[in-house]
N, C-alpha and C. Protein backbone atom coordinates (compact mmCIF):
# COMPACT_ATOMS: atom_id res chain seq x y z
N MET A 1 -19.65 9.15 45.54
CA MET A 1 -19.77 10.52 46.48
C MET A 1 -19.83 10.09 47.30
N LYS A 2 -19.68 11.07 49.05
CA LYS A 2 -20.14 11.23 49.96
C LYS A 2 -21.08 11.65 49.70
N LYS A 3 -22.69 11.56 50.68
CA LYS A 3 -23.45 12.90 51.10
C LYS A 3 -22.95 13.37 52.04
N ILE A 4 -23.52 14.96 51.69
CA ILE A 4 -22.69 15.44 52.62
C ILE A 4 -23.76 16.96 53.58
N LYS A 5 -24.78 15.82 54.18
CA LYS A 5 -25.55 17.42 54.83
C LYS A 5 -25.31 18.59 55.66
N LEU A 6 -25.71 19.64 55.81
CA LEU A 6 -25.66 20.27 56.77
C LEU A 6 -26.88 20.74 57.50
N ILE A 7 -25.52 20.61 58.88
CA ILE A 7 -26.31 21.31 59.99
C ILE A 7 -27.08 22.26 60.71
N ILE A 8 -27.90 22.97 60.88
CA ILE A 8 -28.22 24.05 61.30
C ILE A 8 -28.82 24.42 62.37
N ASN A 9 -28.52 25.28 63.57
CA ASN A 9 -28.50 25.10 64.94
C ASN A 9 -28.04 23.60 65.78
N ASN A 10 -26.76 23.37 65.62
CA ASN A 10 -26.49 21.73 65.49
C ASN A 10 -26.39 22.44 67.25
N ASP A 11 -27.62 21.53 68.17
CA ASP A 11 -27.29 21.72 69.62
C ASP A 11 -26.48 20.89 70.50
N LEU A 12 -25.80 20.47 70.21
CA LEU A 12 -24.93 19.14 70.68
C LEU A 12 -24.32 20.05 71.22
N LYS A 13 -22.98 20.41 71.20
CA LYS A 13 -22.01 21.25 71.49
C LYS A 13 -22.71 21.92 72.56
N LYS A 14 -24.48 22.66 72.64
CA LYS A 14 -24.51 22.96 73.86
C LYS A 14 -24.29 21.88 75.05
N ASN A 15 -24.59 20.79 75.14
CA ASN A 15 -24.61 19.18 75.59
C ASN A 15 -23.45 19.61 75.94
N ASP A 16 -22.79 19.26 74.86
CA ASP A 16 -20.94 18.86 75.42
C ASP A 16 -20.34 19.57 76.61
N LYS A 17 -20.94 20.92 76.85
CA LYS A 17 -20.10 21.78 77.70
C LYS A 17 -20.45 21.73 79.20
N GLU A 18 -21.45 20.34 79.62
CA GLU A 18 -22.72 20.68 80.34
C GLU A 18 -22.34 18.53 81.31
N LYS A 19 -21.35 17.93 80.23
CA LYS A 19 -21.10 16.62 80.32
C LYS A 19 -20.51 16.91 81.67
N PHE A 20 -20.03 17.63 82.66
CA PHE A 20 -19.26 17.93 84.17
C PHE A 20 -19.51 19.46 84.65
N PHE A 21 -18.72 18.86 85.52
CA PHE A 21 -19.49 20.32 87.16
C PHE A 21 -18.36 21.51 86.28
N ILE A 22 -18.95 22.47 86.36
CA ILE A 22 -18.06 23.53 86.05
C ILE A 22 -17.41 24.88 87.07
N LYS A 23 -17.01 25.76 86.42
CA LYS A 23 -16.07 26.01 87.70
C LYS A 23 -16.14 26.13 88.97
N LYS A 24 -17.53 26.82 88.92
CA LYS A 24 -17.61 27.22 90.53
C LYS A 24 -18.58 25.64 91.36
N GLU A 25 -19.12 25.08 90.20
CA GLU A 25 -19.40 24.16 91.38
C GLU A 25 -18.30 23.18 91.33
N LEU A 26 -17.50 23.11 91.49
CA LEU A 26 -15.76 22.40 91.48
C LEU A 26 -15.42 22.74 92.70
N GLN A 27 -15.28 24.23 92.54
CA GLN A 27 -14.92 24.77 93.98
C GLN A 27 -15.70 25.07 94.80
N CYS A 28 -17.08 24.61 95.18
CA CYS A 28 -17.72 25.02 96.54
C CYS A 28 -17.30 23.01 96.63
N ILE A 29 -17.80 22.02 95.33
CA ILE A 29 -16.57 20.90 95.80
C ILE A 29 -15.50 20.58 96.21
N LEU A 30 -14.64 21.26 96.28
CA LEU A 30 -13.40 21.02 97.05
C LEU A 30 -12.80 21.69 97.59
N ASN A 31 -13.77 22.85 98.27
CA ASN A 31 -13.90 23.83 99.13
C ASN A 31 -14.36 22.62 100.54
N LEU A 32 -15.23 21.96 100.23
CA LEU A 32 -15.47 21.30 101.14
C LEU A 32 -15.36 20.07 101.03
N TYR A 33 -14.11 19.32 100.31
CA TYR A 33 -13.37 18.53 100.16
C TYR A 33 -12.05 18.46 101.40
N ALA A 34 -11.69 20.24 101.48
CA ALA A 34 -10.79 20.05 101.90
C ALA A 34 -10.94 20.82 103.14
N LYS A 35 -11.82 20.77 103.47
CA LYS A 35 -12.47 20.69 104.61
C LYS A 35 -12.44 20.01 105.74
N MET A 36 -13.11 18.75 105.05
CA MET A 36 -13.36 17.18 105.30
C MET A 36 -11.68 16.37 105.19
N VAL A 37 -10.88 16.83 104.90
CA VAL A 37 -9.84 16.20 104.77
C VAL A 37 -8.88 16.65 105.89
N SER A 38 -9.25 18.54 105.82
CA SER A 38 -8.61 18.27 107.41
C SER A 38 -9.11 17.53 108.58
N ASN A 39 -10.02 17.26 108.41
CA ASN A 39 -10.76 16.97 109.71
C ASN A 39 -10.76 15.56 109.99
N GLY A 40 -9.60 14.94 109.06
CA GLY A 40 -9.76 13.57 109.35
C GLY A 40 -10.83 12.33 108.14
N SER A 41 -12.05 12.78 108.05
CA SER A 41 -13.01 11.50 107.96
C SER A 41 -12.77 11.67 106.29
N TRP A 42 -12.60 12.48 105.40
CA TRP A 42 -12.42 11.99 103.82
C TRP A 42 -10.71 11.46 103.79
N LYS A 43 -10.52 10.89 102.80
CA LYS A 43 -8.82 10.40 102.96
C LYS A 43 -8.47 10.51 100.90
N ASP A 44 -8.92 10.11 99.98
CA ASP A 44 -9.27 10.22 99.17
C ASP A 44 -10.50 10.31 97.87
N TYR A 45 -10.56 11.03 96.55
CA TYR A 45 -11.93 11.98 95.92
C TYR A 45 -11.03 10.56 94.38
N SER A 46 -12.48 10.98 93.60
CA SER A 46 -12.29 10.78 92.79
C SER A 46 -13.54 10.82 91.69
N PHE A 47 -13.30 11.11 89.80
CA PHE A 47 -14.58 11.64 89.57
C PHE A 47 -15.41 10.19 88.73
N SER A 48 -16.64 10.36 88.51
CA SER A 48 -17.39 9.37 87.53
C SER A 48 -18.29 10.21 86.57
N THR A 49 -17.67 9.79 85.24
CA THR A 49 -18.43 10.56 83.71
C THR A 49 -19.65 9.69 83.50
N GLY A 50 -20.64 9.40 83.85
CA GLY A 50 -21.18 8.65 82.19
C GLY A 50 -22.24 9.66 81.21
N VAL A 51 -23.79 8.54 81.33
CA VAL A 51 -24.80 9.70 80.00
C VAL A 51 -25.73 10.51 81.07
N LYS A 52 -25.88 10.34 81.47
CA LYS A 52 -26.80 10.97 82.73
C LYS A 52 -26.52 11.65 83.90
N GLU A 53 -25.22 11.22 84.15
CA GLU A 53 -24.55 11.69 85.51
C GLU A 53 -23.32 12.48 85.79
N VAL A 54 -22.77 12.73 86.44
CA VAL A 54 -21.19 13.18 86.75
C VAL A 54 -21.11 13.12 88.18
N SER A 55 -20.32 11.96 88.98
CA SER A 55 -20.35 12.18 90.30
C SER A 55 -18.52 12.70 90.53
N PHE A 56 -18.81 13.67 92.06
CA PHE A 56 -17.47 13.41 93.28
C PHE A 56 -17.36 12.06 93.58
N ASP A 57 -16.73 11.17 93.91
CA ASP A 57 -16.80 10.19 94.39
C ASP A 57 -15.39 10.10 96.16
N VAL A 58 -16.65 10.50 97.75
CA VAL A 58 -15.22 10.57 97.92
C VAL A 58 -14.71 9.09 98.95
N TYR A 59 -13.39 8.57 98.91
CA TYR A 59 -13.12 7.23 99.44
C TYR A 59 -12.51 7.43 101.13
N GLN A 60 -12.94 6.78 101.88
CA GLN A 60 -12.49 6.25 103.27
C GLN A 60 -10.86 6.60 103.44
N ARG A 61 -10.88 4.74 102.80
CA ARG A 61 -9.67 4.83 101.91
C ARG A 61 -9.27 4.20 100.11
N ALA A 62 -8.26 4.55 99.62
CA ALA A 62 -8.77 4.51 98.64
C ALA A 62 -8.80 3.33 97.74
N SER A 63 -8.35 1.90 98.41
CA SER A 63 -8.71 0.81 97.77
C SER A 63 -10.00 0.56 97.75
N GLU A 64 -10.73 1.14 98.68
CA GLU A 64 -12.18 1.07 98.66
C GLU A 64 -13.33 1.41 97.56
N LYS A 65 -15.02 0.82 97.75
CA LYS A 65 -15.58 1.68 96.75
C LYS A 65 -15.67 3.38 97.54
N PRO A 66 -15.96 3.61 96.77
CA PRO A 66 -16.99 5.23 97.48
C PRO A 66 -18.06 5.42 98.19
N VAL A 67 -17.76 5.79 99.53
CA VAL A 67 -18.77 6.23 100.54
C VAL A 67 -19.94 7.24 100.48
N LEU A 68 -19.53 7.84 100.12
CA LEU A 68 -20.23 8.65 99.35
C LEU A 68 -19.95 9.82 98.30
N ARG A 69 -21.47 10.24 97.22
CA ARG A 69 -20.68 10.77 96.28
C ARG A 69 -21.53 11.67 95.36
N ILE A 70 -20.93 12.91 95.23
CA ILE A 70 -21.92 13.86 94.68
C ILE A 70 -21.83 13.76 93.55
N THR A 71 -23.26 14.14 93.02
CA THR A 71 -24.08 13.92 91.54
C THR A 71 -24.28 14.75 91.40
N LYS A 72 -24.13 15.14 89.96
CA LYS A 72 -24.53 16.25 88.78
C LYS A 72 -25.50 15.60 88.26
N ASN A 73 -26.84 15.41 87.76
CA ASN A 73 -27.62 14.82 86.83
C ASN A 73 -27.64 15.75 85.87
N LEU A 74 -27.53 14.48 84.58
CA LEU A 74 -27.32 15.38 83.84
C LEU A 74 -28.56 15.78 82.78
N ARG A 75 -29.77 15.11 83.02
CA ARG A 75 -30.77 14.79 82.63
C ARG A 75 -32.09 14.99 83.76
N PRO A 76 -32.55 15.59 84.10
CA PRO A 76 -33.49 15.82 85.31
C PRO A 76 -35.17 16.07 85.31
N ASN A 77 -35.12 14.98 86.04
CA ASN A 77 -36.86 15.24 85.78
C ASN A 77 -37.65 16.27 86.50
N TYR A 78 -36.83 16.08 86.79
CA TYR A 78 -38.20 17.34 88.07
C TYR A 78 -36.93 18.36 88.62
N PHE A 79 -36.90 19.69 89.27
CA PHE A 79 -36.60 20.66 89.32
C PHE A 79 -35.47 20.74 90.52
N ASN A 80 -35.64 19.93 91.23
CA ASN A 80 -34.95 19.80 92.66
C ASN A 80 -34.39 18.18 92.14
N GLU A 81 -33.84 17.95 91.66
CA GLU A 81 -33.38 16.23 91.19
C GLU A 81 -31.96 16.75 90.01
N LYS A 82 -31.68 17.88 90.08
CA LYS A 82 -29.97 17.96 89.78
C LYS A 82 -29.34 17.68 90.21
N TYR A 83 -29.37 17.61 91.35
CA TYR A 83 -28.05 17.76 92.49
C TYR A 83 -28.05 16.46 93.65
N PHE A 84 -26.72 15.10 93.20
CA PHE A 84 -27.87 14.07 94.53
C PHE A 84 -26.60 14.15 95.81
N ILE A 85 -26.80 13.81 96.49
CA ILE A 85 -25.77 13.12 97.60
C ILE A 85 -26.32 11.55 97.66
N LYS A 86 -25.43 10.53 97.05
CA LYS A 86 -25.86 9.41 97.59
C LYS A 86 -24.92 8.85 98.51
N ASP A 87 -25.37 7.50 99.12
CA ASP A 87 -24.77 7.11 99.80
C ASP A 87 -23.71 5.68 99.30
N LYS A 88 -23.39 4.81 99.71
CA LYS A 88 -22.18 3.25 98.32
C LYS A 88 -22.97 2.86 98.06
N ASP A 89 -24.27 2.60 98.81
CA ASP A 89 -24.76 1.71 97.73
C ASP A 89 -26.13 2.22 96.42
N GLY A 90 -26.09 3.24 96.08
CA GLY A 90 -26.75 4.38 95.56
C GLY A 90 -27.81 4.99 95.65
N LYS A 91 -28.05 5.00 96.57
CA LYS A 91 -28.90 4.90 97.37
C LYS A 91 -29.35 6.48 97.71
N VAL A 92 -30.76 7.40 97.47
CA VAL A 92 -29.73 9.55 97.45
C VAL A 92 -30.81 9.88 98.92
N ILE A 93 -29.47 10.29 99.91
CA ILE A 93 -29.73 10.69 101.18
C ILE A 93 -30.20 12.11 101.04
N LYS A 94 -29.58 12.99 99.74
CA LYS A 94 -30.48 14.48 99.93
C LYS A 94 -30.29 14.70 98.23
N LYS A 95 -31.12 15.77 98.55
CA LYS A 95 -30.98 16.48 96.92
C LYS A 95 -31.62 17.54 96.61
N SER A 96 -31.28 18.50 96.17
CA SER A 96 -31.37 19.52 95.50
C SER A 96 -31.41 20.18 94.07
N GLU A 97 -32.40 21.56 93.93
CA GLU A 97 -31.49 22.40 92.62
C GLU A 97 -30.40 23.12 92.66
N SER A 98 -29.87 23.23 93.95
CA SER A 98 -29.20 23.76 93.81
C SER A 98 -27.65 23.63 94.24
N LEU A 99 -26.30 23.34 94.35
CA LEU A 99 -25.34 22.27 94.72
C LEU A 99 -24.88 23.73 96.03
N ASN A 100 -24.76 24.85 95.65
CA ASN A 100 -24.75 25.87 97.65
C ASN A 100 -25.48 25.10 97.93
N LEU A 101 -26.60 24.67 98.27
CA LEU A 101 -27.83 24.88 98.80
C LEU A 101 -27.70 23.45 99.51
N LEU A 102 -27.62 22.27 98.74
CA LEU A 102 -26.89 20.74 98.97
C LEU A 102 -26.00 20.60 100.03
N ILE A 103 -24.91 22.39 100.09
CA ILE A 103 -23.48 21.55 100.10
C ILE A 103 -23.84 22.47 101.93
N ASN A 104 -24.37 23.03 101.69
CA ASN A 104 -24.36 23.81 102.90
C ASN A 104 -25.37 23.41 103.96
N ARG A 105 -26.64 22.96 103.70
CA ARG A 105 -27.56 22.20 104.22
C ARG A 105 -27.82 21.12 105.13
N THR A 106 -26.15 20.33 104.39
CA THR A 106 -26.11 18.90 104.86
C THR A 106 -25.30 19.40 106.11
N SER A 107 -25.29 18.52 107.47
CA SER A 107 -24.26 18.27 108.13
C SER A 107 -23.49 17.74 107.79
N TRP A 108 -22.95 18.03 107.40
CA TRP A 108 -21.55 16.50 106.91
C TRP A 108 -20.81 16.08 108.51
N ASN A 109 -21.28 17.24 109.56
CA ASN A 109 -20.17 16.51 110.89
C ASN A 109 -21.24 14.72 111.41
N LYS A 110 -22.45 15.16 111.40
CA LYS A 110 -23.30 14.22 111.73
C LYS A 110 -23.51 12.39 110.43
N LEU A 111 -22.52 13.06 109.53
CA LEU A 111 -23.22 12.57 108.63
C LEU A 111 -21.65 11.37 108.67
N ARG A 112 -22.52 10.27 109.16
CA ARG A 112 -21.15 9.46 109.30
C ARG A 112 -21.08 8.46 107.85
N LEU A 113 -19.74 8.17 108.52
CA LEU A 113 -18.68 7.04 106.55
C LEU A 113 -19.15 5.38 107.32
N ILE A 114 -19.60 4.45 106.62
CA ILE A 114 -20.27 3.38 107.76
C ILE A 114 -19.15 2.78 106.74
N LYS A 115 -18.48 1.90 107.40
CA LYS A 115 -17.09 0.67 106.76
C LYS A 115 -18.24 0.03 106.25
């Protein structure tokens, strides 16, 4: 006979909800994406998921590596390390505790995508 365990106050379900962008975050990112596509600077996007982070990857062309990543850190060490903007090498360009602040305070026209 198999041993049955009773688990009370299981926190795994709470963590499952945070494994992706919530609706407001995704709406903010997609609004930025639409603006940048209309400018002609961004061409394609994808999502990457991992144990520690989820990211929205921006491409200059569909066949290349992502040139920018807007990342949500699922296990931040500090309060201002919740959201990142990373370049293609993984170097952190900007970080913030709020996605809206991160997107609004970044001057996207001055941020050039290097081939």
